[in-house]
């Protein structure tokens, strides 16, 4: 079973998440992001929304997934109560002379509401997920958020 925790950090927020596979682990780190933003009990389950990102490796995939979710909050005023599903796909390169070994894609489905529907204010406003001390495996992610 997956989970997450917040780790000590001097000025930013550090998250360690774990799961049985990459999908569950990305789901856990995404849930941790939203739990930093607001109390899930204050977020209404009014609508479904999500993000889809691509990346050249797992590290870029995790940073892109988190940053796209932060962008949803900043640009569309949406806050997630829960992560409904995560689907990751890897497509390997197969031709001679192709640049990278392949490309990762992640689709994250979320349920929540507009910030304007919440009765309580947001707790924190993360600016971005960073590559600082980033570690990513299928079963564990440690990432730092710039607050």
C-alpha atoms as a PDB file:
ATOM      1  CA  UNK A   1       0.000   0.000   0.000  1.00  0.00           C
ATOM      2  CA  UNK A   2       1.271   3.439  -0.898  1.00  0.00           C
ATOM      3  CA  UNK A   3       1.647   6.561   1.166  1.00  0.00           C
ATOM      4  CA  UNK A   4       3.555   9.787   1.607  1.00  0.00           C
ATOM      5  CA  UNK A   5       5.274  11.929   4.209  1.00  0.00           C
ATOM      6  CA  UNK A   6       6.728  15.405   4.428  1.00  0.00           C
ATOM      7  CA  UNK A   7      10.433  15.543   5.196  1.00  0.00           C
ATOM      8  CA  UNK A   8      12.474  18.188   7.002  1.00  0.00           C
ATOM      9  CA  UNK A   9      13.717  20.947   4.702  1.00  0.00           C
ATOM     10  CA  UNK A  10      15.132  24.368   5.506  1.00  0.00           C
ATOM     11  CA  UNK A  11      13.003  26.598   3.278  1.00  0.00           C
ATOM     12  CA  UNK A  12      10.941  24.509   0.859  1.00  0.00           C
ATOM     13  CA  UNK A  13       8.723  21.444   1.232  1.00  0.00           C
ATOM     14  CA  UNK A  14      10.114  17.973   0.609  1.00  0.00           C
ATOM     15  CA  UNK A  15       7.862  14.985  -0.085  1.00  0.00           C
ATOM     16  CA  UNK A  16       8.665  11.296   0.007  1.00  0.00           C
ATOM     17  CA  UNK A  17       6.015   9.081  -1.577  1.00  0.00           C
ATOM     18  CA  UNK A  18       5.917   5.348  -2.117  1.00  0.00           C
ATOM     19  CA  UNK A  19       3.775   2.794  -3.908  1.00  0.00           C
ATOM     20  CA  UNK A  20       3.716  -0.647  -5.474  1.00  0.00           C
ATOM     21  CA  UNK A  21       4.498   0.691  -8.976  1.00  0.00           C
ATOM     22  CA  UNK A  22       5.184   3.980 -10.773  1.00  0.00           C
ATOM     23  CA  UNK A  23       1.480   4.748 -11.270  1.00  0.00           C
ATOM     24  CA  UNK A  24       0.665   4.400  -7.578  1.00  0.00           C
ATOM     25  CA  UNK A  25       3.803   6.294  -6.535  1.00  0.00           C
ATOM     26  CA  UNK A  26       2.984   9.243  -8.831  1.00  0.00           C
ATOM     27  CA  UNK A  27      -0.550   9.154  -7.441  1.00  0.00           C
ATOM     28  CA  UNK A  28       0.784   9.351  -3.889  1.00  0.00           C
ATOM     29  CA  UNK A  29       3.154  12.263  -4.614  1.00  0.00           C
ATOM     30  CA  UNK A  30       0.287  14.057  -6.375  1.00  0.00           C
ATOM     31  CA  UNK A  31      -2.007  13.503  -3.379  1.00  0.00           C
ATOM     32  CA  UNK A  32       0.732  14.861  -1.101  1.00  0.00           C
ATOM     33  CA  UNK A  33       0.919  18.015  -3.234  1.00  0.00           C
ATOM     34  CA  UNK A  34      -2.809  18.618  -2.865  1.00  0.00           C
ATOM     35  CA  UNK A  35      -2.732  17.903   0.872  1.00  0.00           C
ATOM     36  CA  UNK A  36      -0.107  20.653   1.188  1.00  0.00           C
ATOM     37  CA  UNK A  37      -2.391  23.073  -0.635  1.00  0.00           C
ATOM     38  CA  UNK A  38      -5.627  22.464   1.290  1.00  0.00           C
ATOM     39  CA  UNK A  39      -7.339  20.231   3.795  1.00  0.00           C
ATOM     40  CA  UNK A  40      -9.021  17.517   1.657  1.00  0.00           C
ATOM     41  CA  UNK A  41     -12.092  17.788   3.901  1.00  0.00           C
ATOM     42  CA  UNK A  42     -12.515  21.407   2.693  1.00  0.00           C
ATOM     43  CA  UNK A  43     -12.343  20.497  -1.012  1.00  0.00           C
ATOM     44  CA  UNK A  44     -15.642  19.556  -2.649  1.00  0.00           C
ATOM     45  CA  UNK A  45     -15.878  16.654  -5.117  1.00  0.00           C
ATOM     46  CA  UNK A  46     -17.684  18.787  -7.717  1.00  0.00           C
ATOM     47  CA  UNK A  47     -15.845  17.968 -10.918  1.00  0.00           C
ATOM     48  CA  UNK A  48     -13.257  15.762 -12.575  1.00  0.00           C
ATOM     49  CA  UNK A  49     -10.223  17.198 -14.349  1.00  0.00           C
ATOM     50  CA  UNK A  50      -6.655  16.127 -15.001  1.00  0.00           C
ATOM     51  CA  UNK A  51      -3.283  16.568 -16.619  1.00  0.00           C
ATOM     52  CA  UNK A  52      -1.406  14.749 -19.356  1.00  0.00           C
ATOM     53  CA  UNK A  53       2.357  15.182 -19.714  1.00  0.00           C
ATOM     54  CA  UNK A  54       5.260  13.662 -21.608  1.00  0.00           C
ATOM     55  CA  UNK A  55       8.932  13.414 -20.683  1.00  0.00           C
ATOM     56  CA  UNK A  56      12.190  11.798 -21.730  1.00  0.00           C
ATOM     57  CA  UNK A  57      12.766  10.081 -18.357  1.00  0.00           C
ATOM     58  CA  UNK A  58      11.078   9.337 -15.030  1.00  0.00           C
ATOM     59  CA  UNK A  59      12.581  12.377 -13.304  1.00  0.00           C
ATOM     60  CA  UNK A  60      11.258  14.795 -15.921  1.00  0.00           C
ATOM     61  CA  UNK A  61       7.912  12.972 -15.843  1.00  0.00           C
ATOM     62  CA  UNK A  62       7.468  13.500 -12.085  1.00  0.00           C
ATOM     63  CA  UNK A  63       8.471  17.175 -12.249  1.00  0.00           C
ATOM     64  CA  UNK A  64       6.156  17.757 -15.236  1.00  0.00           C
ATOM     65  CA  UNK A  65       3.219  15.982 -13.554  1.00  0.00           C
ATOM     66  CA  UNK A  66       3.533  18.071 -10.396  1.00  0.00           C
ATOM     67  CA  UNK A  67       4.140  21.345 -12.232  1.00  0.00           C
ATOM     68  CA  UNK A  68       1.112  20.811 -14.488  1.00  0.00           C
ATOM     69  CA  UNK A  69      -1.044  20.288 -11.396  1.00  0.00           C
ATOM     70  CA  UNK A  70       0.339  23.470  -9.835  1.00  0.00           C
ATOM     71  CA  UNK A  71      -0.471  25.246 -13.115  1.00  0.00           C
ATOM     72  CA  UNK A  72      -4.090  24.012 -12.876  1.00  0.00           C
ATOM     73  CA  UNK A  73      -4.366  25.740  -9.511  1.00  0.00           C
ATOM     74  CA  UNK A  74      -2.639  28.931 -10.675  1.00  0.00           C
ATOM     75  CA  UNK A  75      -4.273  29.368 -14.077  1.00  0.00           C
ATOM     76  CA  UNK A  76      -7.702  27.739 -13.661  1.00  0.00           C
ATOM     77  CA  UNK A  77      -8.239  28.030  -9.912  1.00  0.00           C
ATOM     78  CA  UNK A  78      -8.783  24.278  -9.471  1.00  0.00           C
ATOM     79  CA  UNK A  79      -7.952  22.278  -6.343  1.00  0.00           C
ATOM     80  CA  UNK A  80      -8.004  18.487  -6.126  1.00  0.00           C
ATOM     81  CA  UNK A  81      -9.570  16.537  -3.294  1.00  0.00           C
ATOM     82  CA  UNK A  82      -8.322  13.195  -4.568  1.00  0.00           C
ATOM     83  CA  UNK A  83      -6.308  11.496  -7.257  1.00  0.00           C
ATOM     84  CA  UNK A  84      -8.637   9.173  -9.160  1.00  0.00           C
ATOM     85  CA  UNK A  85      -6.084   7.398 -11.339  1.00  0.00           C
ATOM     86  CA  UNK A  86      -2.626   7.575 -12.857  1.00  0.00           C
ATOM     87  CA  UNK A  87      -1.670   5.865 -16.077  1.00  0.00           C
ATOM     88  CA  UNK A  88       1.947   5.928 -17.217  1.00  0.00           C
ATOM     89  CA  UNK A  89       3.146   4.603 -20.544  1.00  0.00           C
ATOM     90  CA  UNK A  90       6.678   4.176 -21.876  1.00  0.00           C
ATOM     91  CA  UNK A  91       7.281   3.982 -25.591  1.00  0.00           C
ATOM     92  CA  UNK A  92      10.788   2.908 -26.548  1.00  0.00           C
ATOM     93  CA  UNK A  93      12.602   4.211 -29.598  1.00  0.00           C
ATOM     94  CA  UNK A  94      13.082   1.586 -32.255  1.00  0.00           C
ATOM     95  CA  UNK A  95      14.809   3.207 -35.227  1.00  0.00           C
ATOM     96  CA  UNK A  96      18.493   3.768 -35.934  1.00  0.00           C
ATOM     97  CA  UNK A  97      19.627   7.261 -35.075  1.00  0.00           C
ATOM     98  CA  UNK A  98      16.696   8.140 -32.836  1.00  0.00           C
ATOM     99  CA  UNK A  99      17.768  10.487 -30.083  1.00  0.00           C
ATOM    100  CA  UNK A 100      16.483   9.074 -26.822  1.00  0.00           C
ATOM    101  CA  UNK A 101      15.687   5.604 -25.567  1.00  0.00           C
ATOM    102  CA  UNK A 102      12.018   6.547 -25.540  1.00  0.00           C
ATOM    103  CA  UNK A 103       9.363   8.759 -24.106  1.00  0.00           C
ATOM    104  CA  UNK A 104       7.243   8.603 -20.974  1.00  0.00           C
ATOM    105  CA  UNK A 105       3.643   9.770 -20.824  1.00  0.00           C
ATOM    106  CA  UNK A 106       1.441  10.176 -17.751  1.00  0.00           C
ATOM    107  CA  UNK A 107      -2.261  10.861 -17.430  1.00  0.00           C
ATOM    108  CA  UNK A 108      -3.444  11.904 -13.978  1.00  0.00           C
ATOM    109  CA  UNK A 109      -7.192  12.080 -13.293  1.00  0.00           C
ATOM    110  CA  UNK A 110      -8.256  14.287 -10.373  1.00  0.00           C
ATOM    111  CA  UNK A 111     -11.495  15.178  -8.595  1.00  0.00           C
ATOM    112  CA  UNK A 112     -12.040  18.472  -6.827  1.00  0.00           C
ATOM    113  CA  UNK A 113     -13.477  21.934  -7.223  1.00  0.00           C
ATOM    114  CA  UNK A 114     -12.711  25.557  -8.009  1.00  0.00           C
ATOM    115  CA  UNK A 115     -10.996  27.440  -5.184  1.00  0.00           C
ATOM    116  CA  UNK A 116     -14.031  29.755  -5.162  1.00  0.00           C
ATOM    117  CA  UNK A 117     -16.247  26.831  -4.015  1.00  0.00           C
ATOM    118  CA  UNK A 118     -14.168  26.180  -0.908  1.00  0.00           C
ATOM    119  CA  UNK A 119     -15.331  27.426   2.496  1.00  0.00           C
ATOM    120  CA  UNK A 120     -11.783  27.583   3.872  1.00  0.00           C
ATOM    121  CA  UNK A 121      -8.704  29.296   2.422  1.00  0.00           C
ATOM    122  CA  UNK A 122      -5.792  27.437   0.855  1.00  0.00           C
ATOM    123  CA  UNK A 123      -2.911  26.557   3.168  1.00  0.00           C
ATOM    124  CA  UNK A 124       0.064  26.929   0.842  1.00  0.00           C
ATOM    125  CA  UNK A 125       0.838  28.048  -2.682  1.00  0.00           C
ATOM    126  CA  UNK A 126       3.607  25.930  -4.197  1.00  0.00           C
ATOM    127  CA  UNK A 127       5.484  27.600  -7.042  1.00  0.00           C
ATOM    128  CA  UNK A 128       7.104  24.562  -8.660  1.00  0.00           C
ATOM    129  CA  UNK A 129       8.484  21.072  -8.288  1.00  0.00           C
ATOM    130  CA  UNK A 130      12.275  21.134  -8.626  1.00  0.00           C
ATOM    131  CA  UNK A 131      15.047  18.783  -9.674  1.00  0.00           C
ATOM    132  CA  UNK A 132      16.971  19.512  -6.450  1.00  0.00           C
ATOM    133  CA  UNK A 133      17.767  16.158  -4.765  1.00  0.00           C
ATOM    134  CA  UNK A 134      15.075  14.504  -6.887  1.00  0.00           C
ATOM    135  CA  UNK A 135      15.004  10.712  -6.721  1.00  0.00           C
ATOM    136  CA  UNK A 136      12.571   8.599  -8.718  1.00  0.00           C
ATOM    137  CA  UNK A 137      12.106   4.854  -8.846  1.00  0.00           C
ATOM    138  CA  UNK A 138       8.972   2.868  -9.584  1.00  0.00           C
ATOM    139  CA  UNK A 139       8.382   2.410  -5.841  1.00  0.00           C
ATOM    140  CA  UNK A 140       9.647   5.691  -4.306  1.00  0.00           C
ATOM    141  CA  UNK A 141       9.789   9.384  -5.195  1.00  0.00           C
ATOM    142  CA  UNK A 142      11.494  12.133  -3.192  1.00  0.00           C
ATOM    143  CA  UNK A 143      10.918  15.650  -4.535  1.00  0.00           C
ATOM    144  CA  UNK A 144      11.318  19.222  -3.328  1.00  0.00           C
ATOM    145  CA  UNK A 145       8.627  21.838  -3.919  1.00  0.00           C
ATOM    146  CA  UNK A 146       9.521  25.515  -4.084  1.00  0.00           C
ATOM    147  CA  UNK A 147       7.043  27.336  -1.857  1.00  0.00           C
END
